[in-house]
């Protein structure tokens, strides 16, 4: 079963990276609170940008395919 984002933040929650900003979601992977600048909705499920960066580091860089070679 895939993790799903919790879009309702606890009262008074602040972003883990930007404590001056309101939280828009809780990361389903690491549980950190994320503001709009720290949230990525590119993947499925959505998660914080730190988890996106962590996943990219674990899988390595994206290498473009050569077409017509």
C-alpha atoms as a PDB file:
ATOM      1  CA  UNK A   1       0.000   0.000   0.000  1.00  0.00           C
ATOM      2  CA  UNK A   2       1.484   3.358  -1.058  1.00  0.00           C
ATOM      3  CA  UNK A   3       1.848   6.238   1.369  1.00  0.00           C
ATOM      4  CA  UNK A   4      -0.480   9.174   0.826  1.00  0.00           C
ATOM      5  CA  UNK A   5       0.201  12.791   1.776  1.00  0.00           C
ATOM      6  CA  UNK A   6      -1.558  14.337   4.730  1.00  0.00           C
ATOM      7  CA  UNK A   7      -2.621  17.736   3.485  1.00  0.00           C
ATOM      8  CA  UNK A   8      -4.094  18.825   6.803  1.00  0.00           C
ATOM      9  CA  UNK A   9      -1.271  20.060   8.990  1.00  0.00           C
ATOM     10  CA  UNK A  10      -1.492  20.100  12.783  1.00  0.00           C
ATOM     11  CA  UNK A  11      -2.389  23.463  14.292  1.00  0.00           C
ATOM     12  CA  UNK A  12       0.687  25.652  14.650  1.00  0.00           C
ATOM     13  CA  UNK A  13       2.924  23.408  12.512  1.00  0.00           C
ATOM     14  CA  UNK A  14       5.808  25.165  10.765  1.00  0.00           C
ATOM     15  CA  UNK A  15       7.966  24.067   7.829  1.00  0.00           C
ATOM     16  CA  UNK A  16      11.037  22.033   8.827  1.00  0.00           C
ATOM     17  CA  UNK A  17      13.280  24.055   6.472  1.00  0.00           C
ATOM     18  CA  UNK A  18      11.494  27.416   6.629  1.00  0.00           C
ATOM     19  CA  UNK A  19      10.063  27.893  10.145  1.00  0.00           C
ATOM     20  CA  UNK A  20       8.635  31.274   9.157  1.00  0.00           C
ATOM     21  CA  UNK A  21       6.290  29.605   6.620  1.00  0.00           C
ATOM     22  CA  UNK A  22       3.029  27.727   7.124  1.00  0.00           C
ATOM     23  CA  UNK A  23       2.873  24.017   6.429  1.00  0.00           C
ATOM     24  CA  UNK A  24       0.851  22.745   3.458  1.00  0.00           C
ATOM     25  CA  UNK A  25       1.536  19.018   3.900  1.00  0.00           C
ATOM     26  CA  UNK A  26       3.249  16.296   5.880  1.00  0.00           C
ATOM     27  CA  UNK A  27       5.640  14.085   3.905  1.00  0.00           C
ATOM     28  CA  UNK A  28       4.335  10.505   3.747  1.00  0.00           C
ATOM     29  CA  UNK A  29       7.905   9.149   3.708  1.00  0.00           C
ATOM     30  CA  UNK A  30       9.856  11.059   6.366  1.00  0.00           C
ATOM     31  CA  UNK A  31       7.002  12.759   8.253  1.00  0.00           C
ATOM     32  CA  UNK A  32       8.490  16.254   8.043  1.00  0.00           C
ATOM     33  CA  UNK A  33       6.263  19.299   7.665  1.00  0.00           C
ATOM     34  CA  UNK A  34       6.660  21.075   4.318  1.00  0.00           C
ATOM     35  CA  UNK A  35       5.751  24.533   3.021  1.00  0.00           C
ATOM     36  CA  UNK A  36       4.875  25.257  -0.601  1.00  0.00           C
ATOM     37  CA  UNK A  37       8.588  25.720  -1.455  1.00  0.00           C
ATOM     38  CA  UNK A  38       9.503  22.343   0.066  1.00  0.00           C
ATOM     39  CA  UNK A  39       6.708  20.256  -1.451  1.00  0.00           C
ATOM     40  CA  UNK A  40       6.964  18.288  -4.683  1.00  0.00           C
ATOM     41  CA  UNK A  41       3.863  16.999  -6.408  1.00  0.00           C
ATOM     42  CA  UNK A  42       5.764  15.607  -9.394  1.00  0.00           C
ATOM     43  CA  UNK A  43       5.869  12.046  -8.101  1.00  0.00           C
ATOM     44  CA  UNK A  44       3.236   9.662  -6.926  1.00  0.00           C
ATOM     45  CA  UNK A  45       2.697  10.041  -4.097  1.00  0.00           C
ATOM     46  CA  UNK A  46       3.775  13.627  -3.555  1.00  0.00           C
ATOM     47  CA  UNK A  47       6.497  14.189  -0.977  1.00  0.00           C
ATOM     48  CA  UNK A  48       8.957  16.749   0.380  1.00  0.00           C
ATOM     49  CA  UNK A  49      11.863  17.862  -1.800  1.00  0.00           C
ATOM     50  CA  UNK A  50      14.370  16.315   0.640  1.00  0.00           C
ATOM     51  CA  UNK A  51      12.858  12.870  -0.033  1.00  0.00           C
ATOM     52  CA  UNK A  52      12.940  13.592  -3.786  1.00  0.00           C
ATOM     53  CA  UNK A  53      16.644  14.506  -3.498  1.00  0.00           C
ATOM     54  CA  UNK A  54      17.304  11.404  -1.375  1.00  0.00           C
ATOM     55  CA  UNK A  55      15.612   9.158  -3.955  1.00  0.00           C
ATOM     56  CA  UNK A  56      17.621  10.730  -6.790  1.00  0.00           C
ATOM     57  CA  UNK A  57      20.864  10.203  -4.855  1.00  0.00           C
ATOM     58  CA  UNK A  58      20.001   6.533  -4.299  1.00  0.00           C
ATOM     59  CA  UNK A  59      19.125   5.838  -7.938  1.00  0.00           C
ATOM     60  CA  UNK A  60      21.858   7.955  -9.553  1.00  0.00           C
ATOM     61  CA  UNK A  61      21.594  10.648 -12.203  1.00  0.00           C
ATOM     62  CA  UNK A  62      19.101  10.497 -15.029  1.00  0.00           C
ATOM     63  CA  UNK A  63      20.880   9.581 -18.255  1.00  0.00           C
ATOM     64  CA  UNK A  64      19.141  10.552 -21.508  1.00  0.00           C
ATOM     65  CA  UNK A  65      18.586   7.818 -24.063  1.00  0.00           C
ATOM     66  CA  UNK A  66      20.334   8.162 -27.388  1.00  0.00           C
ATOM     67  CA  UNK A  67      17.860   8.162 -30.235  1.00  0.00           C
ATOM     68  CA  UNK A  68      18.889   6.854 -33.641  1.00  0.00           C
ATOM     69  CA  UNK A  69      22.285   5.602 -32.543  1.00  0.00           C
END
